[in-house]
Amino acid sequence: MDGAIQKIVIVGTVLLAMLIGLVLFGVFLFAGTFSKQANAQETGSATNTSELQVAENQPITINKVLSTPVVYKDLQLTLEGQIVGWVTKNAIIVTEAGEKNGGKKLLVITSEKFRLPGDVPASEVALGENVNVEFTGTAGILSINEGDTNWGDEDEFRELSRWRNTPVIFATSVVQQ
């Protein structure tokens, strides 16, 4: 009987030692995983912050909006450019300031019609002027359906239809620079 008790004690001691080893292994494994996650989050935060700083240092331009319109869709933007054409009394074509006719063109539509040159102060844009402007509005893709009367009369609708499915800024303000 003494031999059986002795064997039970030895087996119990071995099992206890294995259990303690297993618990310690689990603790170290958990601590290592937690440490790696915390370290990864800190590194990710630093990377995100630096990426944001780079993005903040690079101004959004007309060419960027035209190159990747889906990125800017539904965002409120303030851009600068030069009027190079008129589509309707409340729709202008702008390019990056200083670019010649070869520059990429962006359609800007305002809710209010531009007025004649004699009817506006010097700081406002008058109908027909080709000047440098700053405009603020929401970026989108122009969607016009046949028979849609929201875009003005038949002539205005026809002119705007040429810009169907292209990037547009629905401007809340357009001021001369």
C-alpha atoms as a PDB file:
ATOM      1  CA  MET A   1       0.000   0.000   0.000  1.00  0.00           C
ATOM      2  CA  ASP A   2       2.853   2.313   0.693  1.00  0.00           C
ATOM      3  CA  GLY A   3       4.011   1.821  -2.873  1.00  0.00           C
ATOM      4  CA  ALA A   4       0.556   2.778  -4.233  1.00  0.00           C
ATOM      5  CA  ILE A   5       0.407   5.969  -2.154  1.00  0.00           C
ATOM      6  CA  GLN A   6       3.899   6.835  -3.199  1.00  0.00           C
ATOM      7  CA  LYS A   7       2.955   6.387  -6.885  1.00  0.00           C
ATOM      8  CA  ILE A   8      -0.178   8.520  -6.420  1.00  0.00           C
ATOM      9  CA  VAL A   9       1.888  11.276  -4.804  1.00  0.00           C
ATOM     10  CA  ILE A  10       4.451  11.180  -7.623  1.00  0.00           C
ATOM     11  CA  VAL A  11       1.738  11.239 -10.335  1.00  0.00           C
ATOM     12  CA  GLY A  12      -0.051  14.054  -8.473  1.00  0.00           C
ATOM     13  CA  THR A  13       3.186  16.054  -8.206  1.00  0.00           C
ATOM     14  CA  VAL A  14       3.922  15.562 -11.910  1.00  0.00           C
ATOM     15  CA  LEU A  15       0.366  16.582 -12.844  1.00  0.00           C
ATOM     16  CA  LEU A  16       0.565  19.637 -10.572  1.00  0.00           C
ATOM     17  CA  ALA A  17       3.894  20.653 -12.121  1.00  0.00           C
ATOM     18  CA  MET A  18       2.438  20.238 -15.608  1.00  0.00           C
ATOM     19  CA  LEU A  19      -0.619  22.288 -14.640  1.00  0.00           C
ATOM     20  CA  ILE A  20       1.542  25.083 -13.225  1.00  0.00           C
ATOM     21  CA  GLY A  21       3.671  25.028 -16.410  1.00  0.00           C
ATOM     22  CA  LEU A  22       0.574  25.191 -18.572  1.00  0.00           C
ATOM     23  CA  VAL A  23      -0.805  28.140 -16.588  1.00  0.00           C
ATOM     24  CA  LEU A  24       2.521  29.998 -16.819  1.00  0.00           C
ATOM     25  CA  PHE A  25       2.680  29.294 -20.571  1.00  0.00           C
ATOM     26  CA  GLY A  26      -0.823  30.713 -20.965  1.00  0.00           C
ATOM     27  CA  VAL A  27       0.042  33.828 -18.965  1.00  0.00           C
ATOM     28  CA  PHE A  28       3.146  34.525 -21.061  1.00  0.00           C
ATOM     29  CA  LEU A  29       1.281  33.851 -24.289  1.00  0.00           C
ATOM     30  CA  PHE A  30      -1.507  36.231 -23.292  1.00  0.00           C
ATOM     31  CA  ALA A  31       0.970  38.908 -22.157  1.00  0.00           C
ATOM     32  CA  GLY A  32       2.911  38.639 -25.419  1.00  0.00           C
ATOM     33  CA  THR A  33      -0.205  38.904 -27.565  1.00  0.00           C
ATOM     34  CA  PHE A  34      -1.532  41.854 -25.588  1.00  0.00           C
ATOM     35  CA  SER A  35       1.831  43.607 -25.814  1.00  0.00           C
ATOM     36  CA  LYS A  36       1.986  43.135 -29.599  1.00  0.00           C
ATOM     37  CA  GLN A  37      -1.558  44.497 -30.044  1.00  0.00           C
ATOM     38  CA  ALA A  38      -0.828  47.539 -27.896  1.00  0.00           C
ATOM     39  CA  ASN A  39       2.390  48.171 -29.796  1.00  0.00           C
ATOM     40  CA  ALA A  40       0.628  47.784 -33.144  1.00  0.00           C
ATOM     41  CA  GLN A  41      -2.066  50.252 -32.116  1.00  0.00           C
ATOM     42  CA  GLU A  42       0.551  52.826 -31.094  1.00  0.00           C
ATOM     43  CA  THR A  43       2.420  52.372 -34.370  1.00  0.00           C
ATOM     44  CA  GLY A  44      -0.842  52.563 -36.340  1.00  0.00           C
ATOM     45  CA  SER A  45      -1.815  55.761 -34.576  1.00  0.00           C
ATOM     46  CA  ALA A  46       1.502  57.366 -35.411  1.00  0.00           C
ATOM     47  CA  THR A  47       1.211  56.291 -39.049  1.00  0.00           C
ATOM     48  CA  ASN A  48      -2.351  57.576 -39.332  1.00  0.00           C
ATOM     49  CA  THR A  49      -1.352  60.902 -37.808  1.00  0.00           C
ATOM     50  CA  SER A  50       1.563  61.299 -40.203  1.00  0.00           C
ATOM     51  CA  GLU A  51      -0.661  60.357 -43.150  1.00  0.00           C
ATOM     52  CA  LEU A  52      -3.197  62.958 -42.039  1.00  0.00           C
ATOM     53  CA  GLN A  53      -0.472  65.578 -41.750  1.00  0.00           C
ATOM     54  CA  VAL A  54       0.708  64.830 -45.273  1.00  0.00           C
ATOM     55  CA  ALA A  55      -2.888  65.065 -46.537  1.00  0.00           C
ATOM     56  CA  GLU A  56      -3.408  68.376 -44.711  1.00  0.00           C
ATOM     57  CA  ASN A  57      -0.234  69.827 -46.221  1.00  0.00           C
ATOM     58  CA  GLN A  58      -1.366  69.034 -49.754  1.00  0.00           C
ATOM     59  CA  PRO A  59      -4.208  71.302 -50.861  1.00  0.00           C
ATOM     60  CA  ILE A  60      -7.137  69.864 -52.757  1.00  0.00           C
ATOM     61  CA  THR A  61      -7.069  71.161 -56.314  1.00  0.00           C
ATOM     62  CA  ILE A  62      -9.414  71.126 -59.280  1.00  0.00           C
ATOM     63  CA  ASN A  63      -7.185  68.573 -61.004  1.00  0.00           C
ATOM     64  CA  LYS A  64      -7.335  66.234 -57.980  1.00  0.00           C
ATOM     65  CA  VAL A  65     -11.128  66.434 -57.912  1.00  0.00           C
ATOM     66  CA  LEU A  66     -11.282  65.724 -61.642  1.00  0.00           C
ATOM     67  CA  SER A  67      -8.786  62.840 -61.412  1.00  0.00           C
ATOM     68  CA  THR A  68     -10.562  61.053 -58.548  1.00  0.00           C
ATOM     69  CA  PRO A  69     -14.107  62.424 -58.301  1.00  0.00           C
ATOM     70  CA  VAL A  70     -15.438  59.497 -56.255  1.00  0.00           C
ATOM     71  CA  VAL A  71     -12.968  60.320 -53.463  1.00  0.00           C
ATOM     72  CA  TYR A  72     -14.375  63.832 -53.100  1.00  0.00           C
ATOM     73  CA  LYS A  73     -18.034  63.040 -53.849  1.00  0.00           C
ATOM     74  CA  ASP A  74     -20.434  64.503 -51.240  1.00  0.00           C
ATOM     75  CA  LEU A  75     -17.627  66.464 -49.534  1.00  0.00           C
ATOM     76  CA  GLN A  76     -17.771  70.207 -48.913  1.00  0.00           C
ATOM     77  CA  LEU A  77     -14.767  71.769 -50.698  1.00  0.00           C
ATOM     78  CA  THR A  78     -13.282  75.202 -51.204  1.00  0.00           C
ATOM     79  CA  LEU A  79     -11.280  75.464 -54.410  1.00  0.00           C
ATOM     80  CA  GLU A  80      -9.578  78.155 -56.437  1.00  0.00           C
ATOM     81  CA  GLY A  81      -9.537  78.411 -60.190  1.00  0.00           C
ATOM     82  CA  GLN A  82     -10.034  80.529 -63.258  1.00  0.00           C
ATOM     83  CA  ILE A  83     -13.296  80.825 -65.156  1.00  0.00           C
ATOM     84  CA  VAL A  84     -12.636  79.751 -68.740  1.00  0.00           C
ATOM     85  CA  GLY A  85     -16.215  79.438 -69.949  1.00  0.00           C
ATOM     86  CA  TRP A  86     -19.905  79.798 -69.257  1.00  0.00           C
ATOM     87  CA  VAL A  87     -22.488  77.057 -69.769  1.00  0.00           C
ATOM     88  CA  THR A  88     -25.596  78.817 -68.437  1.00  0.00           C
ATOM     89  CA  LYS A  89     -26.352  81.860 -66.284  1.00  0.00           C
ATOM     90  CA  ASN A  90     -25.581  79.795 -63.173  1.00  0.00           C
ATOM     91  CA  ALA A  91     -23.007  77.300 -64.478  1.00  0.00           C
ATOM     92  CA  ILE A  92     -19.354  78.085 -65.147  1.00  0.00           C
ATOM     93  CA  ILE A  93     -16.338  76.123 -66.330  1.00  0.00           C
ATOM     94  CA  VAL A  94     -13.160  76.504 -64.281  1.00  0.00           C
ATOM     95  CA  THR A  95      -9.583  75.244 -64.541  1.00  0.00           C
ATOM     96  CA  GLU A  96      -6.547  75.550 -62.319  1.00  0.00           C
ATOM     97  CA  ALA A  97      -5.485  79.208 -62.299  1.00  0.00           C
ATOM     98  CA  GLY A  98      -2.760  79.853 -64.854  1.00  0.00           C
ATOM     99  CA  GLU A  99      -3.493  76.833 -67.067  1.00  0.00           C
ATOM    100  CA  LYS A 100      -4.184  77.403 -70.730  1.00  0.00           C
ATOM    101  CA  ASN A 101      -7.042  75.871 -72.713  1.00  0.00           C
ATOM    102  CA  GLY A 102      -5.430  72.435 -72.340  1.00  0.00           C
ATOM    103  CA  GLY A 103      -6.216  72.333 -68.619  1.00  0.00           C
ATOM    104  CA  LYS A 104      -8.793  69.985 -67.153  1.00  0.00           C
ATOM    105  CA  LYS A 105     -12.210  71.617 -66.852  1.00  0.00           C
ATOM    106  CA  LEU A 106     -14.579  71.425 -63.888  1.00  0.00           C
ATOM    107  CA  LEU A 107     -18.240  72.401 -64.004  1.00  0.00           C
ATOM    108  CA  VAL A 108     -19.446  74.621 -61.148  1.00  0.00           C
ATOM    109  CA  ILE A 109     -23.194  75.138 -60.748  1.00  0.00           C
ATOM    110  CA  THR A 110     -24.666  77.717 -58.387  1.00  0.00           C
ATOM    111  CA  SER A 111     -28.206  77.906 -57.103  1.00  0.00           C
ATOM    112  CA  GLU A 112     -28.450  81.590 -58.038  1.00  0.00           C
ATOM    113  CA  LYS A 113     -27.896  83.041 -61.487  1.00  0.00           C
ATOM    114  CA  PHE A 114     -24.970  85.393 -62.038  1.00  0.00           C
ATOM    115  CA  ARG A 115     -25.934  88.994 -62.745  1.00  0.00           C
ATOM    116  CA  LEU A 116     -24.835  91.394 -65.484  1.00  0.00           C
ATOM    117  CA  PRO A 117     -21.530  93.267 -64.952  1.00  0.00           C
ATOM    118  CA  GLY A 118     -23.168  96.636 -64.154  1.00  0.00           C
ATOM    119  CA  ASP A 119     -25.377  95.042 -61.471  1.00  0.00           C
ATOM    120  CA  VAL A 120     -22.731  93.529 -59.177  1.00  0.00           C
ATOM    121  CA  PRO A 121     -20.088  94.891 -56.805  1.00  0.00           C
ATOM    122  CA  ALA A 122     -16.433  94.489 -57.864  1.00  0.00           C
ATOM    123  CA  SER A 123     -15.897  91.551 -55.457  1.00  0.00           C
ATOM    124  CA  GLU A 124     -18.637  89.452 -57.061  1.00  0.00           C
ATOM    125  CA  VAL A 125     -18.448  87.552 -60.312  1.00  0.00           C
ATOM    126  CA  ALA A 126     -20.480  89.029 -63.142  1.00  0.00           C
ATOM    127  CA  LEU A 127     -22.025  87.104 -66.008  1.00  0.00           C
ATOM    128  CA  GLY A 128     -19.509  86.519 -68.798  1.00  0.00           C
ATOM    129  CA  GLU A 129     -16.351  87.414 -66.849  1.00  0.00           C
ATOM    130  CA  ASN A 130     -13.320  85.158 -67.091  1.00  0.00           C
ATOM    131  CA  VAL A 131     -11.616  85.867 -63.759  1.00  0.00           C
ATOM    132  CA  ASN A 132      -9.892  83.988 -60.945  1.00  0.00           C
ATOM    133  CA  VAL A 133     -12.413  82.775 -58.375  1.00  0.00           C
ATOM    134  CA  GLU A 134     -12.694  80.946 -55.093  1.00  0.00           C
ATOM    135  CA  PHE A 135     -15.748  78.744 -54.751  1.00  0.00           C
ATOM    136  CA  THR A 136     -17.194  76.572 -52.015  1.00  0.00           C
ATOM    137  CA  GLY A 137     -19.640  73.760 -52.520  1.00  0.00           C
ATOM    138  CA  THR A 138     -20.347  70.049 -52.532  1.00  0.00           C
ATOM    139  CA  ALA A 139     -18.575  67.788 -55.003  1.00  0.00           C
ATOM    140  CA  GLY A 140     -20.681  65.371 -57.001  1.00  0.00           C
ATOM    141  CA  ILE A 141     -21.294  63.742 -60.359  1.00  0.00           C
ATOM    142  CA  LEU A 142     -23.784  65.540 -62.611  1.00  0.00           C
ATOM    143  CA  SER A 143     -26.845  63.384 -63.145  1.00  0.00           C
ATOM    144  CA  ILE A 144     -29.413  64.773 -65.560  1.00  0.00           C
ATOM    145  CA  ASN A 145     -32.431  62.813 -66.749  1.00  0.00           C
ATOM    146  CA  GLU A 146     -34.405  63.554 -69.895  1.00  0.00           C
ATOM    147  CA  GLY A 147     -37.266  65.928 -69.268  1.00  0.00           C
ATOM    148  CA  ASP A 148     -35.834  67.114 -65.931  1.00  0.00           C
ATOM    149  CA  THR A 149     -36.983  70.719 -65.552  1.00  0.00           C
ATOM    150  CA  ASN A 150     -34.862  71.474 -62.476  1.00  0.00           C
ATOM    151  CA  TRP A 151     -31.974  72.574 -64.683  1.00  0.00           C
ATOM    152  CA  GLY A 152     -33.690  75.519 -66.340  1.00  0.00           C
ATOM    153  CA  ASP A 153     -35.262  75.978 -69.738  1.00  0.00           C
ATOM    154  CA  GLU A 154     -34.719  73.750 -72.772  1.00  0.00           C
ATOM    155  CA  ASP A 155     -31.547  75.564 -73.878  1.00  0.00           C
ATOM    156  CA  GLU A 156     -29.975  75.382 -70.410  1.00  0.00           C
ATOM    157  CA  PHE A 157     -30.937  71.724 -70.123  1.00  0.00           C
ATOM    158  CA  ARG A 158     -29.319  70.978 -73.504  1.00  0.00           C
ATOM    159  CA  GLU A 159     -26.073  72.738 -72.530  1.00  0.00           C
ATOM    160  CA  LEU A 160     -25.869  71.050 -69.126  1.00  0.00           C
ATOM    161  CA  SER A 161     -26.670  67.648 -70.674  1.00  0.00           C
ATOM    162  CA  ARG A 162     -23.273  67.794 -72.386  1.00  0.00           C
ATOM    163  CA  TRP A 163     -21.721  67.571 -68.909  1.00  0.00           C
ATOM    164  CA  ARG A 164     -23.799  64.521 -67.868  1.00  0.00           C
ATOM    165  CA  ASN A 165     -21.916  62.044 -65.620  1.00  0.00           C
ATOM    166  CA  THR A 166     -18.944  64.385 -65.113  1.00  0.00           C
ATOM    167  CA  PRO A 167     -17.585  65.805 -61.841  1.00  0.00           C
ATOM    168  CA  VAL A 168     -19.334  68.948 -60.653  1.00  0.00           C
ATOM    169  CA  ILE A 169     -19.283  71.322 -57.695  1.00  0.00           C
ATOM    170  CA  PHE A 170     -22.695  72.481 -56.494  1.00  0.00           C
ATOM    171  CA  ALA A 171     -21.464  75.828 -55.204  1.00  0.00           C
ATOM    172  CA  THR A 172     -22.925  77.809 -52.343  1.00  0.00           C
ATOM    173  CA  SER A 173     -20.552  80.716 -53.015  1.00  0.00           C
ATOM    174  CA  VAL A 174     -18.371  81.986 -55.852  1.00  0.00           C
ATOM    175  CA  VAL A 175     -16.237  85.051 -55.195  1.00  0.00           C
ATOM    176  CA  GLN A 176     -13.745  86.877 -57.337  1.00  0.00           C
ATOM    177  CA  GLN A 177     -10.136  86.830 -56.158  1.00  0.00           C
END
